[in-house]
Amino acid sequence: SRARQPLSTCFRHFFPLCSAMGCSASKTAAAEVTQPAVRPPVNGTTPADSTVLADKKSHKAEQTVGEEQPHHHVKVSIVGVSGLLGSGGEGARSDVVITAEIPGKPDTKSSTPIVSGIARKTNATDHPTVEIEFSFQTELKGWVATDKILFTVLDQASGAVLGRAEVPEAMVQARYEGELALTDGGAGYTPFLQVKMAKEQILVETVHEVTDALAAGFQILSADAKQLLEVETKRMQEVEEALEVIKDDARATLENATEAKDVAVDAVEEGFHGVKESISEALEEVQETKCHVCLWC
């Protein structure tokens, strides 16, 4: 069986995002993690709250040689986008597609169906923007503690980028729910994307245990199959031997029957000849008696 390391040795505390709490000593480290600008989410959880929650509830996987990090399935919900640059003037329709992926893992990329909205002016902007409400859920498999999640809004017709946001590890760990400010939205535009993220952990240890259990099960099945095969092989040999005995008995019976037939034929022929000779002798005697009678007369 594979040696197991205690789960506690596979993790260490995630780095605290001290910049969110005002710690000047950690601003350099915090600056290395680019977090998208966010507005207060609908559920009242602020980005700072998310950072603190991530610091309290999550652990960062230790990057040691020969150790595997725990993998997660991150469930992503996209419920709307607003403030987009439209494809035309006010009243023009825009068709967009939104993608979600783990950077560096192209197989994780997932896209929404085409969603549409009409460009309209609002009190907050001097130019028409597109706002779309919809509901889309997907699952990004294979997320590990060092991964980010990238959202991209694309114009369906031209493929132009209308906005993008890269969500860092800490916000994923905190299961962030709210609005993400998108970059690359165009001059004078600050679009927002409404998202919700939740992750489900699949421990490498558990995967190993399942693999070992399956291997043991296959070994048991193989042993049972081998034993069953041996029993069936022996039974087939017995059947073949019984068939050979039946063949031999049938062959001997046929030979005996042939001999009996030959004996019977010979006996019939001998009896026929004997009867024939007796009849001939009787006819001769009758003929002689007839001759004697004639002479006497």
Protein backbone atom coordinates (compact mmCIF):
# COMPACT_ATOMS: atom_id res chain seq x y z
CA SER A 1 0.00 0.00 0.00
CA ARG A 2 1.17 3.54 -0.74
CA ALA A 3 2.54 5.50 2.22
CA ARG A 4 0.26 8.38 3.14
CA GLN A 5 1.35 11.79 4.39
CA PRO A 6 -0.97 13.36 6.95
CA LEU A 7 -3.25 15.87 5.30
CA SER A 8 -1.95 18.59 7.63
CA THR A 9 1.55 18.32 6.13
CA CYS A 10 0.20 18.96 2.63
CA PHE A 11 -0.97 22.50 3.33
CA ARG A 12 0.22 25.70 4.94
CA HIS A 13 -1.67 28.89 5.59
CA PHE A 14 -2.42 30.98 2.54
CA PHE A 15 -0.64 34.31 2.48
CA PRO A 16 -2.71 37.06 4.18
CA LEU A 17 -3.60 39.91 1.89
CA CYS A 18 -2.48 42.50 4.39
CA SER A 19 -2.99 45.34 1.96
CA ALA A 20 -6.72 44.89 2.43
CA MET A 21 -6.24 45.34 6.19
CA GLY A 22 -3.79 48.25 5.95
CA CYS A 23 -0.51 46.48 6.75
CA SER A 24 2.28 48.50 5.11
CA ALA A 25 4.81 45.69 5.51
CA SER A 26 2.93 43.47 3.11
CA LYS A 27 2.09 45.96 0.36
CA THR A 28 4.95 44.73 -1.79
CA ALA A 29 3.73 41.12 -1.63
CA ALA A 30 0.13 42.20 -2.11
CA ALA A 31 1.03 44.25 -5.16
CA GLU A 32 2.22 41.11 -6.91
CA VAL A 33 -1.38 39.80 -6.97
CA THR A 34 -3.50 41.81 -9.39
CA GLN A 35 -7.09 41.79 -8.20
CA PRO A 36 -9.92 43.13 -10.35
CA ALA A 37 -11.76 46.16 -9.08
CA VAL A 38 -15.08 45.20 -7.57
CA ARG A 39 -18.26 46.90 -6.42
CA PRO A 40 -20.10 45.83 -3.25
CA PRO A 41 -21.82 42.53 -4.11
CA VAL A 42 -25.50 41.93 -3.85
CA ASN A 43 -25.06 39.70 -0.81
CA GLY A 44 -23.25 42.43 1.17
CA THR A 45 -19.83 40.74 1.26
CA THR A 46 -17.09 43.24 0.43
CA PRO A 47 -13.78 42.29 -1.24
CA ALA A 48 -11.97 43.00 2.05
CA ASP A 49 -14.37 40.64 3.83
CA SER A 50 -13.64 38.03 1.15
CA THR A 51 -9.90 38.46 1.69
CA VAL A 52 -10.21 38.05 5.47
CA LEU A 53 -12.48 35.05 5.01
CA ALA A 54 -9.96 33.50 2.64
CA ASP A 55 -7.17 34.10 5.20
CA LYS A 56 -9.18 32.48 7.99
CA LYS A 57 -10.72 29.52 6.19
CA SER A 58 -8.22 28.50 3.48
CA HIS A 59 -4.69 27.14 3.29
CA LYS A 60 -2.23 27.49 0.47
CA ALA A 61 -0.89 24.23 -0.99
CA GLU A 62 2.83 23.78 -0.33
CA GLN A 63 4.88 23.66 -3.53
CA THR A 64 7.21 20.76 -2.70
CA VAL A 65 8.83 18.42 -5.18
CA GLY A 66 7.04 15.11 -5.49
CA GLU A 67 3.84 16.31 -3.77
CA GLU A 68 0.54 16.79 -5.57
CA GLN A 69 -1.78 19.66 -4.72
CA PRO A 70 -5.43 19.02 -3.99
CA HIS A 71 -7.60 19.55 -7.04
CA HIS A 72 -10.95 21.31 -7.00
CA HIS A 73 -13.98 21.73 -9.21
CA VAL A 74 -14.90 25.42 -9.21
CA LYS A 75 -18.57 26.06 -9.92
CA VAL A 76 -19.00 29.40 -11.67
CA SER A 77 -22.29 31.25 -12.13
CA ILE A 78 -22.58 34.31 -14.39
CA VAL A 79 -25.82 36.22 -13.93
CA GLY A 80 -25.27 39.43 -15.84
CA VAL A 81 -23.05 42.07 -17.40
CA SER A 82 -23.48 45.84 -17.50
CA GLY A 83 -21.80 48.99 -18.84
CA LEU A 84 -20.62 47.34 -22.05
CA LEU A 85 -19.57 49.26 -25.12
CA GLY A 86 -22.30 48.64 -27.69
CA SER A 87 -21.75 47.66 -31.31
CA GLY A 88 -23.76 50.70 -32.50
CA GLY A 89 -25.51 53.79 -31.25
CA GLU A 90 -28.39 54.04 -28.83
CA GLY A 91 -31.01 51.39 -29.48
CA ALA A 92 -28.56 49.12 -31.35
CA ARG A 93 -28.48 45.47 -30.43
CA SER A 94 -25.27 43.80 -29.26
CA ASP A 95 -24.63 40.06 -29.17
CA VAL A 96 -21.90 38.92 -26.79
CA VAL A 97 -20.31 35.71 -25.50
CA ILE A 98 -18.61 35.38 -22.11
CA THR A 99 -15.87 32.83 -21.45
CA ALA A 100 -14.47 31.49 -18.18
CA GLU A 101 -11.22 29.54 -17.94
CA ILE A 102 -8.19 28.72 -15.82
CA PRO A 103 -5.22 30.49 -17.49
CA GLY A 104 -2.70 28.02 -18.85
CA LYS A 105 -5.30 25.22 -18.94
CA PRO A 106 -7.12 25.61 -22.28
CA ASP A 107 -9.17 22.47 -21.73
CA THR A 108 -11.03 24.24 -18.91
CA LYS A 109 -12.43 26.99 -21.14
CA SER A 110 -16.21 27.28 -21.05
CA SER A 111 -18.43 29.72 -22.98
CA THR A 112 -21.93 31.06 -22.46
CA PRO A 113 -24.44 30.89 -25.28
CA ILE A 114 -24.90 34.12 -27.25
CA VAL A 115 -26.67 36.69 -25.07
CA SER A 116 -28.08 39.97 -26.40
CA GLY A 117 -28.81 43.45 -25.09
CA ILE A 118 -29.84 46.89 -26.33
CA ALA A 119 -27.60 49.97 -25.92
CA ARG A 120 -29.29 52.60 -23.75
CA LYS A 121 -28.22 55.73 -21.91
CA THR A 122 -28.43 55.77 -18.13
CA ASN A 123 -28.03 58.46 -15.48
CA ALA A 124 -24.56 57.10 -14.69
CA THR A 125 -23.18 57.45 -18.24
CA ASP A 126 -23.18 60.03 -21.00
CA HIS A 127 -23.08 57.42 -23.72
CA PRO A 128 -25.20 54.32 -24.44
CA THR A 129 -24.14 51.13 -22.70
CA VAL A 130 -25.40 47.55 -22.87
CA GLU A 131 -26.76 45.74 -19.85
CA ILE A 132 -27.73 42.05 -20.06
CA GLU A 133 -29.24 39.85 -17.40
CA PHE A 134 -29.08 36.08 -17.84
CA SER A 135 -28.11 32.93 -15.97
CA PHE A 136 -25.26 30.60 -16.87
CA GLN A 137 -23.54 27.92 -14.78
CA THR A 138 -20.40 25.94 -15.55
CA GLU A 139 -17.74 23.94 -13.75
CA LEU A 140 -13.99 24.45 -14.12
CA LYS A 141 -12.21 21.20 -13.26
CA GLY A 142 -8.63 20.83 -12.09
CA TRP A 143 -8.28 24.14 -10.20
CA VAL A 144 -5.40 24.19 -7.71
CA ALA A 145 -4.40 26.75 -5.09
CA THR A 146 -2.04 28.66 -7.40
CA ASP A 147 -4.59 29.10 -10.21
CA LYS A 148 -6.61 32.17 -11.14
CA ILE A 149 -9.85 32.36 -13.13
CA LEU A 150 -10.10 34.55 -16.23
CA PHE A 151 -13.41 35.97 -17.48
CA THR A 152 -13.58 37.52 -20.97
CA VAL A 153 -16.49 39.30 -22.67
CA LEU A 154 -16.37 39.10 -26.47
CA ASP A 155 -18.40 40.67 -29.25
CA GLN A 156 -20.00 37.71 -30.99
CA ALA A 157 -19.79 39.19 -34.49
CA SER A 158 -16.26 40.63 -34.51
CA GLY A 159 -14.60 38.69 -31.68
CA ALA A 160 -13.40 41.96 -30.16
CA VAL A 161 -12.72 41.99 -26.42
CA LEU A 162 -15.31 44.10 -24.59
CA GLY A 163 -13.87 43.45 -21.14
CA ARG A 164 -11.89 40.98 -19.06
CA ALA A 165 -11.17 40.25 -15.40
CA GLU A 166 -8.69 37.89 -13.78
CA VAL A 167 -9.83 36.61 -10.38
CA PRO A 168 -6.94 35.73 -8.01
CA GLU A 169 -6.70 32.64 -5.88
CA ALA A 170 -7.79 34.34 -2.65
CA MET A 171 -11.13 35.45 -4.09
CA VAL A 172 -11.78 31.96 -5.43
CA GLN A 173 -10.93 30.49 -2.01
CA ALA A 174 -13.38 32.97 -0.42
CA ARG A 175 -16.11 31.87 -2.84
CA TYR A 176 -16.57 35.44 -4.01
CA GLU A 177 -20.03 36.56 -5.08
CA GLY A 178 -20.57 40.02 -6.54
CA GLU A 179 -19.53 42.33 -9.37
CA LEU A 180 -16.13 42.37 -11.06
CA ALA A 181 -14.94 45.54 -12.82
CA LEU A 182 -13.70 44.59 -16.29
CA THR A 183 -10.60 46.04 -17.91
CA ASP A 184 -10.17 46.65 -21.67
CA GLY A 185 -13.75 47.85 -21.89
CA GLY A 186 -12.95 50.76 -24.17
CA ALA A 187 -12.22 54.44 -23.51
CA GLY A 188 -14.78 55.90 -21.13
CA TYR A 189 -16.37 52.51 -20.37
CA THR A 190 -16.16 50.55 -17.12
CA PRO A 191 -18.21 47.39 -17.55
CA PHE A 192 -19.04 45.05 -14.69
CA LEU A 193 -19.64 41.30 -14.60
CA GLN A 194 -21.87 39.69 -11.97
CA VAL A 195 -20.47 36.31 -10.86
CA LYS A 196 -20.58 33.73 -8.10
CA MET A 197 -17.87 31.13 -7.43
CA ALA A 198 -17.82 28.01 -5.26
CA LYS A 199 -15.29 25.21 -5.17
CA GLU A 200 -15.49 21.53 -4.30
CA GLN A 201 -12.29 19.82 -3.20
CA ILE A 202 -11.14 16.50 -4.55
CA LEU A 203 -8.24 15.40 -2.32
CA VAL A 204 -5.36 13.65 -4.00
CA GLU A 205 -5.24 11.32 -0.99
CA THR A 206 -8.84 10.32 -1.62
CA VAL A 207 -8.10 9.71 -5.28
CA HIS A 208 -5.20 7.46 -4.28
CA GLU A 209 -7.37 5.56 -1.83
CA VAL A 210 -10.05 5.03 -4.47
CA THR A 211 -7.38 3.89 -6.95
CA ASP A 212 -5.93 1.44 -4.44
CA ALA A 213 -9.39 0.10 -3.62
CA LEU A 214 -10.14 -0.38 -7.30
CA ALA A 215 -6.81 -2.14 -7.82
CA ALA A 216 -7.50 -4.46 -4.86
CA GLY A 217 -10.98 -5.13 -6.20
CA PHE A 218 -9.59 -6.00 -9.61
CA GLN A 219 -7.10 -8.37 -7.99
CA ILE A 220 -9.91 -10.13 -6.13
CA LEU A 221 -11.98 -10.32 -9.30
CA SER A 222 -8.99 -11.64 -11.23
CA ALA A 223 -8.40 -14.35 -8.61
CA ASP A 224 -12.08 -15.32 -8.63
CA ALA A 225 -12.12 -15.33 -12.43
CA LYS A 226 -8.99 -17.49 -12.52
CA GLN A 227 -10.50 -19.96 -10.06
CA LEU A 228 -13.75 -20.05 -12.00
CA LEU A 229 -11.84 -20.57 -15.24
CA GLU A 230 -9.95 -23.50 -13.70
CA VAL A 231 -13.21 -25.07 -12.49
CA GLU A 232 -14.85 -24.63 -15.89
CA THR A 233 -11.76 -26.01 -17.65
CA LYS A 234 -11.80 -29.10 -15.43
CA ARG A 235 -15.52 -29.51 -16.05
CA MET A 236 -15.00 -29.30 -19.81
CA GLN A 237 -12.28 -31.96 -19.59
CA GLU A 238 -14.67 -34.23 -17.69
CA VAL A 239 -17.35 -33.65 -20.32
CA GLU A 240 -14.88 -34.44 -23.10
CA GLU A 241 -13.81 -37.65 -21.33
CA ALA A 242 -17.45 -38.67 -20.86
CA LEU A 243 -18.08 -38.08 -24.56
CA GLU A 244 -15.11 -40.28 -25.45
CA VAL A 245 -16.52 -43.08 -23.23
CA ILE A 246 -19.92 -42.72 -24.92
CA LYS A 247 -18.25 -42.87 -28.34
CA ASP A 248 -16.33 -46.01 -27.38
CA ASP A 249 -19.51 -47.66 -26.02
CA ALA A 250 -21.42 -46.75 -29.16
CA ARG A 251 -18.63 -48.07 -31.36
CA ALA A 252 -18.52 -51.36 -29.41
CA THR A 253 -22.31 -51.69 -29.55
CA LEU A 254 -22.25 -51.12 -33.30
CA GLU A 255 -19.55 -53.77 -33.75
CA ASN A 256 -21.52 -56.25 -31.63
CA ALA A 257 -24.65 -55.57 -33.59
CA THR A 258 -22.79 -56.14 -36.86
CA GLU A 259 -21.45 -59.45 -35.61
CA ALA A 260 -24.91 -60.51 -34.41
CA LYS A 261 -26.34 -59.63 -37.81
CA ASP A 262 -23.71 -61.72 -39.57
CA VAL A 263 -24.42 -64.68 -37.26
CA ALA A 264 -28.15 -64.35 -37.83
CA VAL A 265 -27.70 -64.20 -41.60
CA ASP A 266 -25.49 -67.28 -41.56
CA ALA A 267 -28.04 -69.17 -39.39
CA VAL A 268 -30.89 -68.25 -41.72
CA GLU A 269 -28.92 -69.33 -44.76
CA GLU A 270 -27.97 -72.65 -43.14
CA GLY A 271 -31.57 -73.25 -42.06
CA PHE A 272 -32.80 -72.45 -45.57
CA HIS A 273 -30.36 -74.90 -47.11
CA GLY A 274 -31.36 -77.56 -44.58
CA VAL A 275 -35.05 -77.10 -45.33
CA LYS A 276 -34.32 -77.15 -49.05
CA GLU A 277 -32.41 -80.43 -48.77
CA SER A 278 -35.19 -81.97 -46.62
CA ILE A 279 -37.80 -81.01 -49.20
CA SER A 280 -35.65 -82.46 -51.98
CA GLU A 281 -35.24 -85.73 -50.11
CA ALA A 282 -38.98 -85.89 -49.41
CA LEU A 283 -39.75 -85.35 -53.10
CA GLU A 284 -37.37 -88.10 -54.08
CA GLU A 285 -39.03 -90.52 -51.64
CA VAL A 286 -42.44 -89.60 -53.01
CA GLN A 287 -41.20 -90.23 -56.51
CA GLU A 288 -39.81 -93.63 -55.60
CA THR A 289 -43.04 -94.58 -53.81
CA LYS A 290 -44.98 -93.59 -56.90
CA CYS A 291 -42.82 -95.76 -59.09
CA HIS A 292 -43.33 -98.77 -56.82
CA VAL A 293 -47.09 -98.31 -56.88
CA CYS A 294 -47.12 -98.24 -60.66
CA LEU A 295 -45.10 -101.47 -60.90
CA TRP A 296 -47.40 -103.27 -58.48
CA CYS A 297 -50.42 -102.23 -60.49
